[in-house]
C-alpha atoms as a PDB file:
ATOM      1  CA  UNK A   1     136.118  93.807 103.851  1.00  0.00           C
ATOM      2  CA  UNK A   2     136.823  95.864 106.609  1.00  0.00           C
ATOM      3  CA  UNK A   3     138.797  98.855 105.613  1.00  0.00           C
ATOM      4  CA  UNK A   4     137.020 100.907 103.072  1.00  0.00           C
ATOM      5  CA  UNK A   5     135.663 104.268 103.485  1.00  0.00           C
ATOM      6  CA  UNK A   6     132.807 103.188 101.165  1.00  0.00           C
ATOM      7  CA  UNK A   7     130.669 100.383 101.045  1.00  0.00           C
ATOM      8  CA  UNK A   8     128.434 100.277  97.719  1.00  0.00           C
ATOM      9  CA  UNK A   9     124.876  98.461  98.807  1.00  0.00           C
ATOM     10  CA  UNK A  10     123.642  96.675  95.539  1.00  0.00           C
ATOM     11  CA  UNK A  11     120.260  94.811  95.326  1.00  0.00           C
ATOM     12  CA  UNK A  12     119.988  92.329  92.045  1.00  0.00           C
ATOM     13  CA  UNK A  13     117.938  90.270  90.661  1.00  0.00           C
ATOM     14  CA  UNK A  14     116.984  89.309  87.002  1.00  0.00           C
ATOM     15  CA  UNK A  15     118.493  91.629  85.559  1.00  0.00           C
ATOM     16  CA  UNK A  16     120.849  90.493  82.952  1.00  0.00           C
ATOM     17  CA  UNK A  17     120.913  93.190  80.802  1.00  0.00           C
ATOM     18  CA  UNK A  18     121.534  95.686  82.478  1.00  0.00           C
ATOM     19  CA  UNK A  19     124.263  94.528  85.718  1.00  0.00           C
ATOM     20  CA  UNK A  20     127.185  95.359  83.234  1.00  0.00           C
ATOM     21  CA  UNK A  21     126.440  98.766  83.052  1.00  0.00           C
ATOM     22  CA  UNK A  22     126.109  99.392  86.810  1.00  0.00           C
ATOM     23  CA  UNK A  23     129.335  97.061  88.060  1.00  0.00           C
ATOM     24  CA  UNK A  24     131.195  99.246  84.945  1.00  0.00           C
ATOM     25  CA  UNK A  25     130.258 102.660  86.385  1.00  0.00           C
ATOM     26  CA  UNK A  26     131.450 101.807  89.679  1.00  0.00           C
ATOM     27  CA  UNK A  27     134.350  99.934  88.901  1.00  0.00           C
ATOM     28  CA  UNK A  28     135.299 103.609  87.099  1.00  0.00           C
ATOM     29  CA  UNK A  29     135.600 105.211  89.895  1.00  0.00           C
ATOM     30  CA  UNK A  30     138.139 107.160  90.628  1.00  0.00           C
ATOM     31  CA  UNK A  31     139.124 108.166  94.017  1.00  0.00           C
ATOM     32  CA  UNK A  32     142.110 108.921  96.665  1.00  0.00           C
ATOM     33  CA  UNK A  33     140.277 106.179  99.554  1.00  0.00           C
ATOM     34  CA  UNK A  34     139.657 101.648  98.852  1.00  0.00           C
ATOM     35  CA  UNK A  35     135.471 101.307  98.152  1.00  0.00           C
ATOM     36  CA  UNK A  36     133.993  97.315  97.878  1.00  0.00           C
ATOM     37  CA  UNK A  37     130.203  97.092  96.091  1.00  0.00           C
ATOM     38  CA  UNK A  38     128.248  94.421  98.132  1.00  0.00           C
ATOM     39  CA  UNK A  39     126.604  93.122  95.674  1.00  0.00           C
ATOM     40  CA  UNK A  40     123.549  90.757  96.382  1.00  0.00           C
ATOM     41  CA  UNK A  41     122.311  88.647  93.841  1.00  0.00           C
ATOM     42  CA  UNK A  42     118.340  87.404  94.835  1.00  0.00           C
ATOM     43  CA  UNK A  43     118.331  84.053  93.479  1.00  0.00           C
ATOM     44  CA  UNK A  44     118.228  84.842  89.693  1.00  0.00           C
ATOM     45  CA  UNK A  45     116.893  83.047  87.519  1.00  0.00           C
ATOM     46  CA  UNK A  46     119.123  84.369  84.380  1.00  0.00           C
ATOM     47  CA  UNK A  47     122.718  84.784  83.964  1.00  0.00           C
ATOM     48  CA  UNK A  48     122.609  88.011  86.002  1.00  0.00           C
ATOM     49  CA  UNK A  49     124.507  86.021  89.038  1.00  0.00           C
ATOM     50  CA  UNK A  50     127.324  84.575  85.837  1.00  0.00           C
ATOM     51  CA  UNK A  51     127.678  88.437  85.301  1.00  0.00           C
ATOM     52  CA  UNK A  52     128.094  89.738  88.939  1.00  0.00           C
ATOM     53  CA  UNK A  53     130.752  86.124  89.487  1.00  0.00           C
ATOM     54  CA  UNK A  54     132.574  87.442  86.296  1.00  0.00           C
ATOM     55  CA  UNK A  55     133.070  90.640  87.438  1.00  0.00           C
ATOM     56  CA  UNK A  56     133.699  90.012  90.982  1.00  0.00           C
ATOM     57  CA  UNK A  57     137.529  87.675  89.113  1.00  0.00           C
ATOM     58  CA  UNK A  58     138.229  90.683  87.628  1.00  0.00           C
ATOM     59  CA  UNK A  59     137.775  93.455  90.605  1.00  0.00           C
ATOM     60  CA  UNK A  60     138.274  91.300  94.170  1.00  0.00           C
ATOM     61  CA  UNK A  61     139.677  93.715  95.695  1.00  0.00           C
ATOM     62  CA  UNK A  62     136.207  95.632  94.736  1.00  0.00           C
ATOM     63  CA  UNK A  63     133.176  93.000  93.898  1.00  0.00           C
ATOM     64  CA  UNK A  64     132.216  91.317  97.161  1.00  0.00           C
ATOM     65  CA  UNK A  65     129.631  89.285  95.771  1.00  0.00           C
ATOM     66  CA  UNK A  66     126.506  87.576  97.817  1.00  0.00           C
ATOM     67  CA  UNK A  67     125.279  84.712  95.360  1.00  0.00           C
ATOM     68  CA  UNK A  68     121.589  83.378  97.291  1.00  0.00           C
ATOM     69  CA  UNK A  69     120.447  80.292  96.758  1.00  0.00           C
ATOM     70  CA  UNK A  70     116.827  81.489  97.983  1.00  0.00           C
ATOM     71  CA  UNK A  71     115.132  84.630  97.317  1.00  0.00           C
ATOM     72  CA  UNK A  72     114.541  87.013 100.595  1.00  0.00           C
ATOM     73  CA  UNK A  73     112.778  89.808  98.042  1.00  0.00           C
ATOM     74  CA  UNK A  74     114.404  93.369  97.700  1.00  0.00           C
ATOM     75  CA  UNK A  75     113.847  94.285 101.421  1.00  0.00           C
ATOM     76  CA  UNK A  76     115.186  91.684 102.303  1.00  0.00           C
ATOM     77  CA  UNK A  77     118.192  91.495 100.060  1.00  0.00           C
ATOM     78  CA  UNK A  78     119.257  94.953 100.287  1.00  0.00           C
ATOM     79  CA  UNK A  79     119.106  94.719 104.658  1.00  0.00           C
ATOM     80  CA  UNK A  80     121.237  91.683 104.631  1.00  0.00           C
ATOM     81  CA  UNK A  81     123.525  93.453 102.810  1.00  0.00           C
ATOM     82  CA  UNK A  82     123.034  97.045 104.655  1.00  0.00           C
ATOM     83  CA  UNK A  83     124.297  94.401 107.842  1.00  0.00           C
ATOM     84  CA  UNK A  84     127.254  93.678 105.761  1.00  0.00           C
ATOM     85  CA  UNK A  85     128.480  97.078 104.515  1.00  0.00           C
ATOM     86  CA  UNK A  86     131.408  98.153 106.859  1.00  0.00           C
ATOM     87  CA  UNK A  87     133.018 101.417 105.365  1.00  0.00           C
ATOM     88  CA  UNK A  88     131.944 104.679 106.825  1.00  0.00           C
ATOM     89  CA  UNK A  89     129.458 105.323 104.326  1.00  0.00           C
ATOM     90  CA  UNK A  90     127.094 103.534 102.032  1.00  0.00           C
ATOM     91  CA  UNK A  91     126.227 104.676  98.760  1.00  0.00           C
ATOM     92  CA  UNK A  92     122.962 102.618  97.243  1.00  0.00           C
ATOM     93  CA  UNK A  93     122.428 101.703  93.780  1.00  0.00           C
ATOM     94  CA  UNK A  94     120.116  98.784  92.124  1.00  0.00           C
ATOM     95  CA  UNK A  95     121.089  96.178  89.135  1.00  0.00           C
ATOM     96  CA  UNK A  96     119.206  98.508  86.466  1.00  0.00           C
ATOM     97  CA  UNK A  97     121.004 101.924  87.176  1.00  0.00           C
ATOM     98  CA  UNK A  98     124.407 103.681  86.750  1.00  0.00           C
ATOM     99  CA  UNK A  99     126.828 105.736  87.328  1.00  0.00           C
ATOM    100  CA  UNK A 100     126.829 109.106  85.112  1.00  0.00           C
ATOM    101  CA  UNK A 101     129.892 110.857  87.032  1.00  0.00           C
ATOM    102  CA  UNK A 102     133.364 108.864  87.935  1.00  0.00           C
ATOM    103  CA  UNK A 103     134.218 111.051  90.793  1.00  0.00           C
ATOM    104  CA  UNK A 104     129.905 110.880  92.491  1.00  0.00           C
ATOM    105  CA  UNK A 105     132.051 108.503  95.286  1.00  0.00           C
ATOM    106  CA  UNK A 106     134.440 111.194  95.620  1.00  0.00           C
ATOM    107  CA  UNK A 107     132.302 114.095  95.409  1.00  0.00           C
ATOM    108  CA  UNK A 108     130.373 113.185  97.797  1.00  0.00           C
ATOM    109  CA  UNK A 109     132.857 111.515 100.640  1.00  0.00           C
ATOM    110  CA  UNK A 110     134.607 115.639  99.948  1.00  0.00           C
ATOM    111  CA  UNK A 111     131.593 117.416 101.227  1.00  0.00           C
ATOM    112  CA  UNK A 112     130.399 115.126 104.034  1.00  0.00           C
ATOM    113  CA  UNK A 113     134.038 114.334 105.434  1.00  0.00           C
ATOM    114  CA  UNK A 114     133.972 118.622 105.501  1.00  0.00           C
ATOM    115  CA  UNK A 115     130.085 118.494 106.797  1.00  0.00           C
ATOM    116  CA  UNK A 116     129.920 115.819 109.879  1.00  0.00           C
ATOM    117  CA  UNK A 117     126.480 117.890 110.498  1.00  0.00           C
ATOM    118  CA  UNK A 118     124.930 115.925 107.282  1.00  0.00           C
ATOM    119  CA  UNK A 119     123.641 112.573 107.620  1.00  0.00           C
ATOM    120  CA  UNK A 120     123.197 112.720 103.644  1.00  0.00           C
ATOM    121  CA  UNK A 121     124.228 113.977 100.537  1.00  0.00           C
ATOM    122  CA  UNK A 122     122.441 112.907  97.348  1.00  0.00           C
ATOM    123  CA  UNK A 123     123.128 114.342  93.563  1.00  0.00           C
ATOM    124  CA  UNK A 124     120.377 114.938  90.426  1.00  0.00           C
ATOM    125  CA  UNK A 125     119.499 112.188  88.522  1.00  0.00           C
ATOM    126  CA  UNK A 126     118.886 111.120  84.652  1.00  0.00           C
ATOM    127  CA  UNK A 127     116.127 109.735  84.040  1.00  0.00           C
ATOM    128  CA  UNK A 128     116.542 106.909  80.144  1.00  0.00           C
ATOM    129  CA  UNK A 129     114.465 104.031  79.210  1.00  0.00           C
ATOM    130  CA  UNK A 130     116.168 100.542  78.478  1.00  0.00           C
ATOM    131  CA  UNK A 131     118.393 101.841  75.798  1.00  0.00           C
ATOM    132  CA  UNK A 132     120.056 104.328  77.626  1.00  0.00           C
ATOM    133  CA  UNK A 133     117.850 106.888  76.183  1.00  0.00           C
ATOM    134  CA  UNK A 134     117.478 110.267  78.200  1.00  0.00           C
ATOM    135  CA  UNK A 135     113.325 110.234  78.631  1.00  0.00           C
ATOM    136  CA  UNK A 136     113.714 114.671  80.477  1.00  0.00           C
ATOM    137  CA  UNK A 137     109.562 114.644  79.468  1.00  0.00           C
ATOM    138  CA  UNK A 138     109.603 111.820  82.561  1.00  0.00           C
ATOM    139  CA  UNK A 139     112.465 113.926  84.201  1.00  0.00           C
ATOM    140  CA  UNK A 140     109.834 116.666  84.180  1.00  0.00           C
ATOM    141  CA  UNK A 141     107.668 115.113  86.760  1.00  0.00           C
ATOM    142  CA  UNK A 142     109.746 112.868  88.774  1.00  0.00           C
ATOM    143  CA  UNK A 143     109.455 113.188  91.981  1.00  0.00           C
ATOM    144  CA  UNK A 144     113.223 113.986  92.846  1.00  0.00           C
ATOM    145  CA  UNK A 145     114.837 117.382  93.720  1.00  0.00           C
ATOM    146  CA  UNK A 146     115.094 119.450  90.491  1.00  0.00           C
ATOM    147  CA  UNK A 147     118.641 121.187  91.772  1.00  0.00           C
ATOM    148  CA  UNK A 148     120.592 121.570  94.826  1.00  0.00           C
ATOM    149  CA  UNK A 149     120.254 122.258  98.260  1.00  0.00           C
ATOM    150  CA  UNK A 150     119.120 122.080 101.255  1.00  0.00           C
ATOM    151  CA  UNK A 151     116.120 118.971 101.758  1.00  0.00           C
ATOM    152  CA  UNK A 152     114.015 119.644 104.245  1.00  0.00           C
ATOM    153  CA  UNK A 153     111.306 118.080 105.676  1.00  0.00           C
ATOM    154  CA  UNK A 154     108.640 119.987 104.472  1.00  0.00           C
ATOM    155  CA  UNK A 155     109.894 118.674 100.914  1.00  0.00           C
ATOM    156  CA  UNK A 156     109.484 114.964 102.272  1.00  0.00           C
ATOM    157  CA  UNK A 157     106.176 116.060 103.148  1.00  0.00           C
ATOM    158  CA  UNK A 158     105.586 117.680  99.125  1.00  0.00           C
ATOM    159  CA  UNK A 159     106.518 114.117  98.372  1.00  0.00           C
ATOM    160  CA  UNK A 160     109.571 114.796  96.793  1.00  0.00           C
ATOM    161  CA  UNK A 161     112.667 113.144  97.185  1.00  0.00           C
ATOM    162  CA  UNK A 162     116.489 114.743  97.740  1.00  0.00           C
ATOM    163  CA  UNK A 163     117.361 112.584  94.967  1.00  0.00           C
ATOM    164  CA  UNK A 164     117.133 109.170  93.732  1.00  0.00           C
ATOM    165  CA  UNK A 165     118.626 106.172  95.351  1.00  0.00           C
ATOM    166  CA  UNK A 166     121.377 105.987  92.861  1.00  0.00           C
ATOM    167  CA  UNK A 167     122.315 108.853  93.729  1.00  0.00           C
ATOM    168  CA  UNK A 168     122.600 108.778  97.276  1.00  0.00           C
ATOM    169  CA  UNK A 169     125.486 108.487 100.023  1.00  0.00           C
ATOM    170  CA  UNK A 170     125.252 107.547 104.027  1.00  0.00           C
ATOM    171  CA  UNK A 171     127.029 107.982 106.714  1.00  0.00           C
ATOM    172  CA  UNK A 172     127.173 104.592 108.277  1.00  0.00           C
ATOM    173  CA  UNK A 173     127.191 105.989 112.214  1.00  0.00           C
ATOM    174  CA  UNK A 174     124.114 107.349 111.360  1.00  0.00           C
ATOM    175  CA  UNK A 175     122.800 104.137 111.038  1.00  0.00           C
ATOM    176  CA  UNK A 176     123.249 103.525 114.586  1.00  0.00           C
ATOM    177  CA  UNK A 177     122.573 106.769 116.093  1.00  0.00           C
ATOM    178  CA  UNK A 178     118.670 105.821 114.524  1.00  0.00           C
ATOM    179  CA  UNK A 179     118.715 101.958 115.230  1.00  0.00           C
ATOM    180  CA  UNK A 180     117.482 102.364 118.906  1.00  0.00           C
ATOM    181  CA  UNK A 181     114.941 105.095 118.314  1.00  0.00           C
ATOM    182  CA  UNK A 182     113.215 102.301 116.280  1.00  0.00           C
ATOM    183  CA  UNK A 183     113.315  99.613 117.933  1.00  0.00           C
ATOM    184  CA  UNK A 184     112.193 101.332 121.569  1.00  0.00           C
ATOM    185  CA  UNK A 185     108.946 102.591 118.868  1.00  0.00           C
ATOM    186  CA  UNK A 186     108.772  99.093 117.338  1.00  0.00           C
ATOM    187  CA  UNK A 187     109.051  99.833 114.226  1.00  0.00           C
ATOM    188  CA  UNK A 188     109.650  97.777 111.772  1.00  0.00           C
ATOM    189  CA  UNK A 189     113.760  98.569 110.594  1.00  0.00           C
ATOM    190  CA  UNK A 190     113.334  95.948 107.630  1.00  0.00           C
ATOM    191  CA  UNK A 191     110.859  98.531 105.973  1.00  0.00           C
ATOM    192  CA  UNK A 192     113.484 100.846 105.985  1.00  0.00           C
ATOM    193  CA  UNK A 193     114.757 101.459 102.385  1.00  0.00           C
ATOM    194  CA  UNK A 194     114.015 104.289 100.400  1.00  0.00           C
ATOM    195  CA  UNK A 195     111.622 106.409 101.242  1.00  0.00           C
ATOM    196  CA  UNK A 196     111.157 105.390 104.798  1.00  0.00           C
ATOM    197  CA  UNK A 197     115.178 105.780 105.074  1.00  0.00           C
ATOM    198  CA  UNK A 198     115.355 109.100 103.773  1.00  0.00           C
ATOM    199  CA  UNK A 199     112.524 109.858 106.316  1.00  0.00           C
ATOM    200  CA  UNK A 200     114.116 108.488 108.905  1.00  0.00           C
ATOM    201  CA  UNK A 201     117.512 109.902 108.584  1.00  0.00           C
ATOM    202  CA  UNK A 202     115.924 113.302 108.310  1.00  0.00           C
ATOM    203  CA  UNK A 203     114.721 112.373 112.875  1.00  0.00           C
ATOM    204  CA  UNK A 204     119.076 112.225 113.632  1.00  0.00           C
ATOM    205  CA  UNK A 205     120.945 115.179 111.116  1.00  0.00           C
ATOM    206  CA  UNK A 206     120.592 117.108 107.542  1.00  0.00           C
ATOM    207  CA  UNK A 207     120.778 116.273 104.202  1.00  0.00           C
ATOM    208  CA  UNK A 208     121.580 118.164 100.566  1.00  0.00           C
ATOM    209  CA  UNK A 209     122.027 117.755  97.113  1.00  0.00           C
ATOM    210  CA  UNK A 210     125.055 118.543  95.342  1.00  0.00           C
ATOM    211  CA  UNK A 211     123.124 120.410  92.160  1.00  0.00           C
ATOM    212  CA  UNK A 212     125.415 118.150  90.387  1.00  0.00           C
ATOM    213  CA  UNK A 213     124.126 115.040  87.475  1.00  0.00           C
ATOM    214  CA  UNK A 214     125.522 111.806  89.134  1.00  0.00           C
ATOM    215  CA  UNK A 215     123.514 108.660  88.255  1.00  0.00           C
ATOM    216  CA  UNK A 216     121.151 107.671  85.746  1.00  0.00           C
ATOM    217  CA  UNK A 217     117.302 106.235  86.714  1.00  0.00           C
ATOM    218  CA  UNK A 218     116.686 103.165  84.648  1.00  0.00           C
ATOM    219  CA  UNK A 219     112.641 103.890  84.170  1.00  0.00           C
ATOM    220  CA  UNK A 220     111.411 100.839  82.483  1.00  0.00           C
ATOM    221  CA  UNK A 221     107.386  99.201  82.948  1.00  0.00           C
ATOM    222  CA  UNK A 222     107.802  95.879  80.246  1.00  0.00           C
ATOM    223  CA  UNK A 223     107.038  93.428  82.170  1.00  0.00           C
ATOM    224  CA  UNK A 224     109.816  91.067  82.889  1.00  0.00           C
ATOM    225  CA  UNK A 225     112.078  93.464  81.872  1.00  0.00           C
ATOM    226  CA  UNK A 226     113.406  93.363  86.008  1.00  0.00           C
ATOM    227  CA  UNK A 227     113.450  96.923  87.018  1.00  0.00           C
ATOM    228  CA  UNK A 228     111.670  97.918  90.145  1.00  0.00           C
ATOM    229  CA  UNK A 229     108.947 100.512  87.501  1.00  0.00           C
ATOM    230  CA  UNK A 230     108.298  97.461  86.032  1.00  0.00           C
ATOM    231  CA  UNK A 231     106.393  95.670  89.249  1.00  0.00           C
ATOM    232  CA  UNK A 232     105.340  98.808  90.479  1.00  0.00           C
ATOM    233  CA  UNK A 233     104.741 101.692  89.090  1.00  0.00           C
ATOM    234  CA  UNK A 234     101.613 101.658  87.438  1.00  0.00           C
ATOM    235  CA  UNK A 235      98.200 102.780  88.210  1.00  0.00           C
ATOM    236  CA  UNK A 236      95.994  99.383  89.791  1.00  0.00           C
ATOM    237  CA  UNK A 237      94.326  99.456  92.551  1.00  0.00           C
ATOM    238  CA  UNK A 238      96.423  96.840  95.027  1.00  0.00           C
ATOM    239  CA  UNK A 239      99.553  99.848  94.357  1.00  0.00           C
ATOM    240  CA  UNK A 240      97.239 102.598  95.348  1.00  0.00           C
ATOM    241  CA  UNK A 241      96.628 100.806  98.105  1.00  0.00           C
ATOM    242  CA  UNK A 242     100.061 100.245  98.880  1.00  0.00           C
ATOM    243  CA  UNK A 243     101.120 103.519  98.498  1.00  0.00           C
ATOM    244  CA  UNK A 244      97.964 105.180 100.757  1.00  0.00           C
ATOM    245  CA  UNK A 245      99.257 102.206 103.823  1.00  0.00           C
ATOM    246  CA  UNK A 246     103.093 103.758 102.945  1.00  0.00           C
ATOM    247  CA  UNK A 247     102.315 107.748 103.665  1.00  0.00           C
ATOM    248  CA  UNK A 248      99.742 106.703 106.957  1.00  0.00           C
ATOM    249  CA  UNK A 249     103.026 104.136 108.057  1.00  0.00           C
ATOM    250  CA  UNK A 250     105.286 107.516 107.777  1.00  0.00           C
ATOM    251  CA  UNK A 251     103.169 109.509 109.410  1.00  0.00           C
ATOM    252  CA  UNK A 252     103.449 107.141 112.588  1.00  0.00           C
ATOM    253  CA  UNK A 253     107.065 107.125 111.764  1.00  0.00           C
ATOM    254  CA  UNK A 254     107.584 110.471 112.029  1.00  0.00           C
ATOM    255  CA  UNK A 255     105.173 111.035 115.053  1.00  0.00           C
ATOM    256  CA  UNK A 256     107.953 108.421 117.223  1.00  0.00           C
ATOM    257  CA  UNK A 257     110.760 110.606 115.902  1.00  0.00           C
ATOM    258  CA  UNK A 258     109.403 113.564 117.091  1.00  0.00           C
ATOM    259  CA  UNK A 259     108.899 114.946 113.295  1.00  0.00           C
ATOM    260  CA  UNK A 260     105.592 116.700 112.291  1.00  0.00           C
ATOM    261  CA  UNK A 261     104.128 115.266 109.024  1.00  0.00           C
ATOM    262  CA  UNK A 262     101.290 115.151 107.052  1.00  0.00           C
ATOM    263  CA  UNK A 263     100.464 114.009 103.878  1.00  0.00           C
ATOM    264  CA  UNK A 264      96.568 115.407 103.953  1.00  0.00           C
ATOM    265  CA  UNK A 265      97.655 117.372 100.074  1.00  0.00           C
ATOM    266  CA  UNK A 266      98.896 113.975  98.828  1.00  0.00           C
ATOM    267  CA  UNK A 267      95.365 112.574  99.908  1.00  0.00           C
ATOM    268  CA  UNK A 268      93.457 115.384  98.119  1.00  0.00           C
ATOM    269  CA  UNK A 269      96.025 115.043  95.364  1.00  0.00           C
ATOM    270  CA  UNK A 270      95.216 110.931  95.234  1.00  0.00           C
ATOM    271  CA  UNK A 271      91.730 111.986  95.392  1.00  0.00           C
ATOM    272  CA  UNK A 272      91.229 113.584  92.215  1.00  0.00           C
ATOM    273  CA  UNK A 273      93.409 110.960  90.891  1.00  0.00           C
ATOM    274  CA  UNK A 274      91.306 108.700  91.386  1.00  0.00           C
ATOM    275  CA  UNK A 275      87.815 110.684  90.529  1.00  0.00           C
ATOM    276  CA  UNK A 276      90.215 111.520  87.060  1.00  0.00           C
ATOM    277  CA  UNK A 277      90.302 107.647  86.654  1.00  0.00           C
ATOM    278  CA  UNK A 278      87.076 106.028  87.976  1.00  0.00           C
ATOM    279  CA  UNK A 279      86.312 104.078  84.777  1.00  0.00           C
ATOM    280  CA  UNK A 280      89.640 102.057  84.871  1.00  0.00           C
ATOM    281  CA  UNK A 281      88.633 100.703  88.113  1.00  0.00           C
ATOM    282  CA  UNK A 282      85.105  98.626  88.663  1.00  0.00           C
ATOM    283  CA  UNK A 283      82.252 100.156  91.314  1.00  0.00           C
ATOM    284  CA  UNK A 284      84.198  98.114  95.147  1.00  0.00           C
ATOM    285  CA  UNK A 285      87.340  98.644  94.040  1.00  0.00           C
ATOM    286  CA  UNK A 286      86.603 102.105  93.637  1.00  0.00           C
ATOM    287  CA  UNK A 287      85.141 102.138  97.101  1.00  0.00           C
ATOM    288  CA  UNK A 288      87.669 100.653  98.474  1.00  0.00           C
ATOM    289  CA  UNK A 289      90.199 103.501  97.274  1.00  0.00           C
ATOM    290  CA  UNK A 290      87.705 106.844  98.892  1.00  0.00           C
ATOM    291  CA  UNK A 291      86.748 104.512 102.047  1.00  0.00           C
ATOM    292  CA  UNK A 292      90.968 104.405 102.687  1.00  0.00           C
ATOM    293  CA  UNK A 293      91.547 108.091 101.564  1.00  0.00           C
ATOM    294  CA  UNK A 294      88.658 108.772 103.796  1.00  0.00           C
ATOM    295  CA  UNK A 295      89.894 106.812 107.182  1.00  0.00           C
ATOM    296  CA  UNK A 296      93.661 108.241 106.527  1.00  0.00           C
ATOM    297  CA  UNK A 297      93.182 112.120 106.564  1.00  0.00           C
ATOM    298  CA  UNK A 298      93.583 113.908 109.709  1.00  0.00           C
ATOM    299  CA  UNK A 299      90.879 116.270 107.726  1.00  0.00           C
ATOM    300  CA  UNK A 300      88.550 114.362 106.440  1.00  0.00           C
ATOM    301  CA  UNK A 301      85.313 116.769 106.401  1.00  0.00           C
ATOM    302  CA  UNK A 302      87.257 119.041 103.468  1.00  0.00           C
ATOM    303  CA  UNK A 303      88.005 115.219 101.341  1.00  0.00           C
ATOM    304  CA  UNK A 304      84.451 114.321 101.463  1.00  0.00           C
ATOM    305  CA  UNK A 305      83.599 117.859 100.186  1.00  0.00           C
ATOM    306  CA  UNK A 306      86.376 117.777  97.516  1.00  0.00           C
ATOM    307  CA  UNK A 307      84.528 114.356  96.543  1.00  0.00           C
ATOM    308  CA  UNK A 308      81.046 115.358  96.835  1.00  0.00           C
ATOM    309  CA  UNK A 309      82.225 118.055  94.651  1.00  0.00           C
ATOM    310  CA  UNK A 310      83.711 116.202  91.812  1.00  0.00           C
ATOM    311  CA  UNK A 311      80.844 113.794  91.934  1.00  0.00           C
ATOM    312  CA  UNK A 312      78.326 116.436  91.324  1.00  0.00           C
ATOM    313  CA  UNK A 313      80.169 118.203  88.398  1.00  0.00           C
ATOM    314  CA  UNK A 314      80.476 114.205  87.337  1.00  0.00           C
ATOM    315  CA  UNK A 315      76.647 113.915  87.642  1.00  0.00           C
ATOM    316  CA  UNK A 316      76.428 117.099  85.818  1.00  0.00           C
ATOM    317  CA  UNK A 317      77.866 115.634  82.843  1.00  0.00           C
ATOM    318  CA  UNK A 318      76.283 112.667  82.421  1.00  0.00           C
ATOM    319  CA  UNK A 319      73.074 114.941  81.962  1.00  0.00           C
ATOM    320  CA  UNK A 320      74.213 117.518  79.829  1.00  0.00           C
ATOM    321  CA  UNK A 321      76.348 114.557  77.700  1.00  0.00           C
ATOM    322  CA  UNK A 322      72.269 112.881  77.115  1.00  0.00           C
ATOM    323  CA  UNK A 323      70.814 115.949  76.241  1.00  0.00           C
END
């Protein structure tokens, strides 16, 4: 560690089925520079750590194993690995995803080296299932950019991301430029991962998507699979409220960083989704979600008006159905 051009951050937990594929896609990278992969196993209960050790023994110049005896959680694990990174650039990949292009790192380094005003570079991603079979229907509805080009705050406001985590590469010096701002604003830097990280980085520089498929995002919702999706990507009261709080937090962060951000259009989308799924919730849970939407909204009149119309339509359908 210490003389690498790129530091790869790999946060993983209980992903014995997938971590080998992830690490193989890392060590297979072809570059004209040295890179390291700091792999943090968050006290897994399966054979995840053992697989990481095998790769570290086979590729000691690339794989840096961090095998924890105490679970830190996803955010804590990721932040600790990031603090250990010394490369000029930082690339992220989770332990169930993998890279498709053996020149992924080289292409992104070439772009960032020649574009000093950009702080991050991304690519397109394929969505695959547990067996690595591509799910093109899910790609159509994903929130990631579908083509290459400049990434903007307006895209972020539309809930579009510049790329999936495994396609990302950031300029490490940009974190230093951002850290003081966040500390002065009393923003918890430990939460600056994924979507929040994209927002914060937009305040210090530009971002670009190369328009090439660089990684595969494994979308697995089977319980106990070890994937992020299995724990977070389902429609429930707790997940919806967590999601709404996340939007409010990001609006506050954007204001502090001098960016204009308003998620009201997204709140209208969530209101309509709530109405379409009203039978899935108890009356109490439904009201809690709705009240949170109204409380967070900048334009409460618009949101309550839409809600009133949806309620009337639902009542009419019920009356007509009885007749």
